[in-house]
Amino acid sequence: MYSDWVIPAAAGVLLFWLGTLSFLIWRQNKFITSLFPKSGERDIRKKFEEIAKTVEGFKNELSGLDDRIEAIRLKELQHVQRVELLRFNPYDETGGNISFTACFLDNKGSGIVVTSLHARNGTRVFGKEIVSGKSLKYELSKEEEAVIKKAMEK
C-alpha cells in the first residue's frame, strides 16, 4: 500500500518540524534570559518598573534636548548669514571698479556695512552699523542701500 519512500519522507518532515520548533524555543529562552538576569529574580513587575523608569528618563532627556535645540536655534539667528559684495566706480577719473561695499548681516538684517572708496589720492574705508536693514546713525549711500537690499533678499 505505501511505498518505501513514504516513511523516510514523513520522518524527514517530522525532523524538520522538530528542528524549527527547537530553534524557536531556543530563541525565546535566549530572550527571556536576556530580560531577566542570572541573579535568580524573575519578578516581571520589577522588570516592568525598571523599564518604565528607563523610558521616563529618556523622556526627561528628550525634553532637555528640546530646550537646548531651541537655544541653539535662537543663537543661530545672531550669526552672520547674509553676505553681499558690490563693486563700483564712484569717481569718473578713476578707472575700474576698485571701490566696493560689503555687508555682513545676521538673519534679522542686523550687522555692518563696510564701504571702501578708492581714488587717485588715497583710499577711504567707512563702516556703519545696520539694525533691521537700516542705519540708525548715518545716512546710507545708494550702493550701500543696494547691497543691503540684495543681501536681505537671500
N, C-alpha and C. Protein backbone atom coordinates (compact mmCIF):
# COMPACT_ATOMS: atom_id res chain seq x y z
N MET A 1 0.82 -1.17 0.00
CA MET A 1 0.00 0.00 0.00
C MET A 1 0.88 1.26 0.00
N TYR A 2 1.75 1.41 0.97
CA TYR A 2 2.68 2.53 0.95
C TYR A 2 3.98 2.07 0.34
N SER A 3 4.58 2.93 -0.40
CA SER A 3 5.84 2.55 -1.00
C SER A 3 6.97 2.79 -0.01
N ASP A 4 8.16 2.48 -0.38
CA ASP A 4 9.31 2.54 0.52
C ASP A 4 9.73 3.98 0.87
N TRP A 5 9.39 4.95 0.14
CA TRP A 5 9.84 6.33 0.37
C TRP A 5 8.94 7.13 1.30
N VAL A 6 7.72 6.67 1.58
CA VAL A 6 6.76 7.46 2.38
C VAL A 6 7.23 7.56 3.83
N ILE A 7 7.70 6.50 4.41
CA ILE A 7 8.11 6.52 5.82
C ILE A 7 9.34 7.41 6.01
N PRO A 8 10.38 7.31 5.18
CA PRO A 8 11.51 8.25 5.34
C PRO A 8 11.12 9.70 5.08
N ALA A 9 10.22 9.95 4.14
CA ALA A 9 9.78 11.32 3.86
C ALA A 9 9.02 11.89 5.05
N ALA A 10 8.15 11.08 5.66
CA ALA A 10 7.40 11.54 6.83
C ALA A 10 8.36 11.80 7.99
N ALA A 11 9.37 10.95 8.14
CA ALA A 11 10.36 11.15 9.20
C ALA A 11 11.16 12.42 8.94
N GLY A 12 11.49 12.68 7.69
CA GLY A 12 12.22 13.91 7.34
C GLY A 12 11.40 15.16 7.64
N VAL A 13 10.12 15.13 7.30
CA VAL A 13 9.24 16.28 7.57
C VAL A 13 9.12 16.46 9.07
N LEU A 14 8.98 15.37 9.80
CA LEU A 14 8.87 15.44 11.26
C LEU A 14 10.15 16.00 11.87
N LEU A 15 11.32 15.58 11.40
CA LEU A 15 12.58 16.10 11.90
C LEU A 15 12.73 17.60 11.59
N PHE A 16 12.32 18.00 10.39
CA PHE A 16 12.37 19.42 10.05
C PHE A 16 11.47 20.23 10.97
N TRP A 17 10.26 19.73 11.22
CA TRP A 17 9.32 20.41 12.10
C TRP A 17 9.87 20.50 13.53
N LEU A 18 10.47 19.43 14.03
CA LEU A 18 11.06 19.45 15.37
C LEU A 18 12.25 20.41 15.43
N GLY A 19 13.05 20.46 14.38
CA GLY A 19 14.18 21.39 14.34
C GLY A 19 13.71 22.84 14.37
N THR A 20 12.65 23.15 13.61
CA THR A 20 12.10 24.51 13.59
C THR A 20 11.57 24.89 14.96
N LEU A 21 10.81 23.99 15.58
CA LEU A 21 10.28 24.27 16.93
C LEU A 21 11.40 24.42 17.95
N SER A 22 12.43 23.60 17.86
CA SER A 22 13.57 23.70 18.78
C SER A 22 14.26 25.05 18.63
N PHE A 23 14.43 25.51 17.38
CA PHE A 23 15.05 26.82 17.15
C PHE A 23 14.21 27.95 17.74
N LEU A 24 12.91 27.90 17.54
CA LEU A 24 12.03 28.94 18.08
C LEU A 24 12.04 28.95 19.61
N ILE A 25 12.04 27.78 20.22
CA ILE A 25 12.09 27.71 21.69
C ILE A 25 13.43 28.20 22.19
N TRP A 26 14.52 27.89 21.50
CA TRP A 26 15.86 28.37 21.88
C TRP A 26 15.91 29.89 21.82
N ARG A 27 15.33 30.48 20.76
CA ARG A 27 15.31 31.93 20.63
C ARG A 27 14.49 32.58 21.74
N GLN A 28 13.36 31.98 22.08
CA GLN A 28 12.51 32.50 23.16
C GLN A 28 13.24 32.44 24.50
N ASN A 29 13.92 31.33 24.77
CA ASN A 29 14.67 31.20 26.02
C ASN A 29 15.82 32.21 26.08
N LYS A 30 16.46 32.45 24.96
CA LYS A 30 17.53 33.45 24.92
C LYS A 30 16.99 34.83 25.26
N PHE A 31 15.83 35.18 24.73
CA PHE A 31 15.20 36.47 25.04
C PHE A 31 14.85 36.56 26.53
N ILE A 32 14.25 35.52 27.08
CA ILE A 32 13.87 35.51 28.50
C ILE A 32 15.12 35.64 29.37
N THR A 33 16.20 34.95 28.99
CA THR A 33 17.44 35.03 29.75
C THR A 33 18.01 36.45 29.71
N SER A 34 17.92 37.11 28.56
CA SER A 34 18.43 38.48 28.48
C SER A 34 17.53 39.44 29.24
N LEU A 35 16.24 39.14 29.33
CA LEU A 35 15.30 40.00 30.04
C LEU A 35 15.51 39.91 31.55
N PHE A 36 15.73 38.71 32.04
CA PHE A 36 15.94 38.51 33.47
C PHE A 36 17.37 38.09 33.72
N PRO A 37 18.08 38.80 34.58
CA PRO A 37 19.48 38.44 34.85
C PRO A 37 19.58 37.10 35.56
N LYS A 38 20.80 36.59 35.68
CA LYS A 38 21.02 35.28 36.29
C LYS A 38 20.98 35.32 37.80
N SER A 39 20.61 36.47 38.37
CA SER A 39 20.57 36.57 39.83
C SER A 39 19.46 35.72 40.43
N GLY A 40 18.57 35.25 39.61
CA GLY A 40 17.52 34.38 40.11
C GLY A 40 16.19 35.10 40.28
N GLU A 41 16.20 36.45 40.28
CA GLU A 41 14.94 37.17 40.42
C GLU A 41 14.20 37.13 39.10
N ARG A 42 13.02 36.66 39.13
CA ARG A 42 12.24 36.56 37.90
C ARG A 42 10.89 37.23 38.10
N ASP A 43 10.89 38.34 38.83
CA ASP A 43 9.64 39.06 39.07
C ASP A 43 9.40 40.03 37.91
N ILE A 44 8.37 39.75 37.15
CA ILE A 44 8.08 40.54 35.96
C ILE A 44 7.68 41.97 36.31
N ARG A 45 7.06 42.17 37.47
CA ARG A 45 6.65 43.52 37.88
C ARG A 45 7.86 44.42 38.09
N LYS A 46 8.90 43.88 38.73
CA LYS A 46 10.11 44.66 38.94
C LYS A 46 10.76 45.02 37.61
N LYS A 47 10.75 44.08 36.69
CA LYS A 47 11.35 44.35 35.39
C LYS A 47 10.57 45.43 34.65
N PHE A 48 9.24 45.39 34.72
CA PHE A 48 8.43 46.42 34.08
C PHE A 48 8.64 47.78 34.73
N GLU A 49 8.80 47.83 36.06
CA GLU A 49 9.09 49.09 36.74
C GLU A 49 10.44 49.65 36.28
N GLU A 50 11.41 48.77 36.15
CA GLU A 50 12.73 49.19 35.69
C GLU A 50 12.65 49.77 34.27
N ILE A 51 11.93 49.11 33.41
CA ILE A 51 11.76 49.58 32.02
C ILE A 51 11.01 50.91 32.01
N ALA A 52 9.97 51.04 32.84
CA ALA A 52 9.21 52.30 32.90
C ALA A 52 10.09 53.45 33.38
N LYS A 53 10.97 53.20 34.37
CA LYS A 53 11.89 54.24 34.84
C LYS A 53 12.87 54.64 33.74
N THR A 54 13.34 53.66 32.99
CA THR A 54 14.25 53.95 31.89
C THR A 54 13.58 54.81 30.83
N VAL A 55 12.36 54.47 30.49
CA VAL A 55 11.61 55.24 29.49
C VAL A 55 11.36 56.65 30.00
N GLU A 56 11.02 56.80 31.27
CA GLU A 56 10.79 58.13 31.85
C GLU A 56 12.08 58.96 31.82
N GLY A 57 13.21 58.33 32.09
CA GLY A 57 14.50 59.03 31.99
C GLY A 57 14.76 59.51 30.58
N PHE A 58 14.42 58.68 29.58
CA PHE A 58 14.58 59.10 28.19
C PHE A 58 13.69 60.28 27.86
N LYS A 59 12.46 60.28 28.39
CA LYS A 59 11.56 61.41 28.16
C LYS A 59 12.13 62.69 28.74
N ASN A 60 12.69 62.62 29.95
CA ASN A 60 13.28 63.80 30.56
C ASN A 60 14.47 64.31 29.75
N GLU A 61 15.30 63.39 29.27
CA GLU A 61 16.44 63.78 28.44
C GLU A 61 15.97 64.44 27.14
N LEU A 62 14.90 63.91 26.55
CA LEU A 62 14.38 64.50 25.32
C LEU A 62 13.85 65.90 25.54
N SER A 63 13.16 66.14 26.65
CA SER A 63 12.66 67.49 26.90
C SER A 63 13.83 68.45 27.12
N GLY A 64 14.88 67.98 27.77
CA GLY A 64 16.08 68.80 27.92
C GLY A 64 16.74 69.10 26.58
N LEU A 65 16.73 68.12 25.68
CA LEU A 65 17.29 68.33 24.35
C LEU A 65 16.48 69.36 23.56
N ASP A 66 15.16 69.33 23.71
CA ASP A 66 14.33 70.31 23.03
C ASP A 66 14.69 71.73 23.46
N ASP A 67 14.91 71.92 24.76
CA ASP A 67 15.29 73.25 25.26
C ASP A 67 16.64 73.67 24.69
N ARG A 68 17.59 72.74 24.65
CA ARG A 68 18.92 73.06 24.11
C ARG A 68 18.86 73.36 22.61
N ILE A 69 18.06 72.61 21.89
CA ILE A 69 17.93 72.85 20.45
C ILE A 69 17.33 74.23 20.20
N GLU A 70 16.34 74.62 20.99
CA GLU A 70 15.72 75.94 20.84
C GLU A 70 16.74 77.04 21.15
N ALA A 71 17.56 76.86 22.17
CA ALA A 71 18.59 77.85 22.49
C ALA A 71 19.60 77.97 21.35
N ILE A 72 19.98 76.85 20.77
CA ILE A 72 20.93 76.87 19.64
C ILE A 72 20.29 77.55 18.43
N ARG A 73 19.00 77.29 18.20
CA ARG A 73 18.31 77.91 17.08
C ARG A 73 18.25 79.42 17.25
N LEU A 74 18.00 79.89 18.46
CA LEU A 74 17.96 81.33 18.71
C LEU A 74 19.35 81.96 18.56
N LYS A 75 20.39 81.26 18.99
CA LYS A 75 21.75 81.77 18.81
C LYS A 75 22.13 81.82 17.34
N GLU A 76 21.64 80.84 16.58
CA GLU A 76 21.97 80.77 15.17
C GLU A 76 21.49 82.03 14.43
N LEU A 77 20.40 82.62 14.87
CA LEU A 77 19.87 83.80 14.22
C LEU A 77 20.81 85.00 14.36
N GLN A 78 21.73 84.95 15.31
CA GLN A 78 22.62 86.07 15.56
C GLN A 78 23.94 85.97 14.79
N HIS A 79 24.17 84.89 14.09
CA HIS A 79 25.41 84.72 13.34
C HIS A 79 25.28 85.33 11.95
N VAL A 80 26.40 85.68 11.36
CA VAL A 80 26.40 86.26 10.02
C VAL A 80 25.88 85.21 9.04
N GLN A 81 24.80 85.54 8.37
CA GLN A 81 24.19 84.61 7.42
C GLN A 81 23.96 85.24 6.06
N ARG A 82 23.96 86.55 6.02
CA ARG A 82 23.70 87.25 4.76
C ARG A 82 24.91 88.11 4.43
N VAL A 83 25.63 87.75 3.39
CA VAL A 83 26.83 88.47 2.98
C VAL A 83 26.65 88.86 1.52
N GLU A 84 26.98 90.09 1.23
CA GLU A 84 26.85 90.57 -0.14
C GLU A 84 27.97 91.56 -0.43
N LEU A 85 28.45 91.59 -1.67
CA LEU A 85 29.53 92.47 -2.09
C LEU A 85 29.10 93.16 -3.39
N LEU A 86 29.38 94.44 -3.46
CA LEU A 86 29.09 95.22 -4.67
C LEU A 86 30.32 96.05 -5.00
N ARG A 87 30.85 95.88 -6.20
CA ARG A 87 31.99 96.68 -6.66
C ARG A 87 31.44 97.77 -7.57
N PHE A 88 32.03 98.97 -7.46
CA PHE A 88 31.54 100.09 -8.27
C PHE A 88 32.65 101.11 -8.47
N ASN A 89 32.39 102.09 -9.33
CA ASN A 89 33.33 103.16 -9.65
C ASN A 89 32.68 104.48 -9.22
N PRO A 90 33.09 105.06 -8.07
CA PRO A 90 32.42 106.27 -7.59
C PRO A 90 32.87 107.55 -8.28
N TYR A 91 34.05 107.54 -8.88
CA TYR A 91 34.61 108.75 -9.49
C TYR A 91 34.87 108.50 -10.97
N ASP A 92 34.64 109.51 -11.77
CA ASP A 92 34.84 109.35 -13.21
C ASP A 92 36.31 109.26 -13.59
N GLU A 93 37.20 109.92 -12.83
CA GLU A 93 38.61 109.95 -13.21
C GLU A 93 39.36 108.67 -12.84
N THR A 94 38.77 107.82 -12.04
CA THR A 94 39.41 106.57 -11.63
C THR A 94 38.88 105.44 -12.50
N GLY A 95 39.75 104.64 -13.04
CA GLY A 95 39.31 103.56 -13.90
C GLY A 95 39.05 102.29 -13.11
N GLY A 96 38.13 101.49 -13.58
CA GLY A 96 37.86 100.19 -12.98
C GLY A 96 36.94 100.28 -11.77
N ASN A 97 36.39 99.16 -11.43
CA ASN A 97 35.51 99.07 -10.26
C ASN A 97 36.33 98.62 -9.06
N ILE A 98 37.15 99.52 -8.56
CA ILE A 98 38.04 99.19 -7.46
C ILE A 98 37.36 99.41 -6.11
N SER A 99 36.45 100.35 -6.03
CA SER A 99 35.73 100.61 -4.79
C SER A 99 34.70 99.51 -4.57
N PHE A 100 34.34 99.30 -3.31
CA PHE A 100 33.35 98.25 -3.01
C PHE A 100 32.56 98.59 -1.76
N THR A 101 31.42 97.92 -1.66
CA THR A 101 30.59 97.94 -0.46
C THR A 101 30.27 96.50 -0.13
N ALA A 102 30.51 96.13 1.11
CA ALA A 102 30.21 94.76 1.56
C ALA A 102 29.36 94.85 2.82
N CYS A 103 28.38 93.97 2.91
CA CYS A 103 27.58 93.94 4.13
C CYS A 103 27.61 92.54 4.71
N PHE A 104 27.57 92.49 6.03
CA PHE A 104 27.58 91.24 6.79
C PHE A 104 26.43 91.33 7.78
N LEU A 105 25.37 90.59 7.51
CA LEU A 105 24.15 90.71 8.31
C LEU A 105 23.75 89.35 8.89
N ASP A 106 23.07 89.39 10.03
CA ASP A 106 22.51 88.16 10.57
C ASP A 106 21.15 87.92 9.92
N ASN A 107 20.43 86.93 10.41
CA ASN A 107 19.16 86.56 9.79
C ASN A 107 18.10 87.64 9.95
N LYS A 108 18.24 88.50 10.95
CA LYS A 108 17.26 89.56 11.19
C LYS A 108 17.64 90.85 10.46
N GLY A 109 18.75 90.86 9.75
CA GLY A 109 19.16 92.04 9.00
C GLY A 109 20.00 93.01 9.79
N SER A 110 20.58 92.57 10.88
CA SER A 110 21.44 93.44 11.68
C SER A 110 22.90 93.01 11.50
N GLY A 111 23.79 94.01 11.49
CA GLY A 111 25.21 93.73 11.30
C GLY A 111 25.95 94.99 10.92
N ILE A 112 26.84 94.86 9.92
CA ILE A 112 27.62 96.03 9.49
C ILE A 112 27.66 96.08 7.97
N VAL A 113 27.92 97.30 7.48
CA VAL A 113 28.20 97.51 6.07
C VAL A 113 29.53 98.26 6.02
N VAL A 114 30.43 97.79 5.16
CA VAL A 114 31.76 98.38 5.01
C VAL A 114 31.88 98.88 3.58
N THR A 115 32.30 100.13 3.45
CA THR A 115 32.47 100.72 2.13
C THR A 115 33.90 101.21 1.99
N SER A 116 34.52 100.89 0.87
CA SER A 116 35.87 101.35 0.56
C SER A 116 35.80 102.16 -0.73
N LEU A 117 36.18 103.44 -0.63
CA LEU A 117 36.18 104.32 -1.80
C LEU A 117 37.63 104.55 -2.21
N HIS A 118 37.97 104.14 -3.43
CA HIS A 118 39.34 104.25 -3.92
C HIS A 118 39.42 105.41 -4.91
N ALA A 119 40.35 106.33 -4.67
CA ALA A 119 40.60 107.45 -5.57
C ALA A 119 42.11 107.53 -5.83
N ARG A 120 42.52 108.41 -6.71
CA ARG A 120 43.95 108.54 -7.03
C ARG A 120 44.76 108.99 -5.82
N ASN A 121 44.17 109.83 -5.01
CA ASN A 121 44.91 110.37 -3.87
C ASN A 121 44.80 109.51 -2.61
N GLY A 122 44.13 108.38 -2.65
CA GLY A 122 44.04 107.51 -1.49
C GLY A 122 42.76 106.70 -1.45
N THR A 123 42.68 105.87 -0.42
CA THR A 123 41.51 105.02 -0.22
C THR A 123 40.90 105.33 1.13
N ARG A 124 39.59 105.46 1.16
CA ARG A 124 38.88 105.72 2.41
C ARG A 124 37.97 104.52 2.70
N VAL A 125 37.92 104.11 3.97
CA VAL A 125 37.09 102.97 4.38
C VAL A 125 36.10 103.47 5.43
N PHE A 126 34.84 103.12 5.25
CA PHE A 126 33.78 103.52 6.16
C PHE A 126 33.04 102.28 6.64
N GLY A 127 32.66 102.27 7.89
CA GLY A 127 31.86 101.18 8.45
C GLY A 127 30.64 101.76 9.13
N LYS A 128 29.50 101.13 8.93
CA LYS A 128 28.26 101.61 9.53
C LYS A 128 27.50 100.43 10.14
N GLU A 129 26.90 100.69 11.29
CA GLU A 129 26.10 99.66 11.95
C GLU A 129 24.72 99.61 11.30
N ILE A 130 24.24 98.39 11.08
CA ILE A 130 22.93 98.18 10.47
C ILE A 130 22.06 97.43 11.46
N VAL A 131 20.85 97.93 11.67
CA VAL A 131 19.88 97.28 12.55
C VAL A 131 18.59 97.10 11.75
N SER A 132 18.20 95.86 11.57
CA SER A 132 16.99 95.51 10.80
C SER A 132 17.00 96.12 9.41
N GLY A 133 18.16 96.09 8.76
CA GLY A 133 18.27 96.56 7.39
C GLY A 133 18.41 98.06 7.23
N LYS A 134 18.53 98.81 8.33
CA LYS A 134 18.64 100.27 8.25
C LYS A 134 19.76 100.77 9.15
N SER A 135 20.35 101.90 8.76
CA SER A 135 21.36 102.54 9.59
C SER A 135 20.66 103.53 10.51
N LEU A 136 20.94 103.45 11.81
CA LEU A 136 20.28 104.33 12.76
C LEU A 136 21.01 105.67 12.90
N LYS A 137 22.33 105.70 12.70
CA LYS A 137 23.11 106.91 12.96
C LYS A 137 23.52 107.65 11.69
N TYR A 138 23.85 106.93 10.62
CA TYR A 138 24.43 107.55 9.44
C TYR A 138 23.56 107.30 8.23
N GLU A 139 23.62 108.23 7.30
CA GLU A 139 22.88 108.08 6.05
C GLU A 139 23.62 107.08 5.16
N LEU A 140 22.87 106.24 4.49
CA LEU A 140 23.44 105.22 3.61
C LEU A 140 23.53 105.74 2.19
N SER A 141 24.61 105.38 1.49
CA SER A 141 24.72 105.71 0.07
C SER A 141 23.82 104.78 -0.73
N LYS A 142 23.63 105.11 -2.01
CA LYS A 142 22.78 104.26 -2.84
C LYS A 142 23.40 102.88 -3.03
N GLU A 143 24.73 102.79 -3.07
CA GLU A 143 25.39 101.48 -3.19
C GLU A 143 25.19 100.65 -1.93
N GLU A 144 25.29 101.30 -0.77
CA GLU A 144 25.09 100.59 0.50
C GLU A 144 23.65 100.11 0.62
N GLU A 145 22.70 100.95 0.24
CA GLU A 145 21.29 100.53 0.27
C GLU A 145 21.05 99.36 -0.68
N ALA A 146 21.68 99.40 -1.86
CA ALA A 146 21.51 98.32 -2.84
C ALA A 146 22.08 97.00 -2.33
N VAL A 147 23.27 97.05 -1.72
CA VAL A 147 23.89 95.81 -1.24
C VAL A 147 23.11 95.24 -0.05
N ILE A 148 22.58 96.09 0.81
CA ILE A 148 21.77 95.62 1.94
C ILE A 148 20.48 95.01 1.43
N LYS A 149 19.85 95.65 0.47
CA LYS A 149 18.60 95.12 -0.10
C LYS A 149 18.84 93.75 -0.74
N LYS A 150 19.93 93.65 -1.49
CA LYS A 150 20.24 92.37 -2.15
C LYS A 150 20.52 91.27 -1.12
N ALA A 151 21.22 91.62 -0.05
CA ALA A 151 21.51 90.62 1.00
C ALA A 151 20.24 90.20 1.72
N MET A 152 19.32 91.12 1.93
CA MET A 152 18.08 90.79 2.64
C MET A 152 17.16 89.92 1.80
N GLU A 153 17.34 89.92 0.48
CA GLU A 153 16.51 89.08 -0.39
C GLU A 153 16.89 87.62 -0.36
N LYS A 154 18.06 87.30 0.14
CA LYS A 154 18.54 85.90 0.18
C LYS A 154 17.75 85.09 1.16
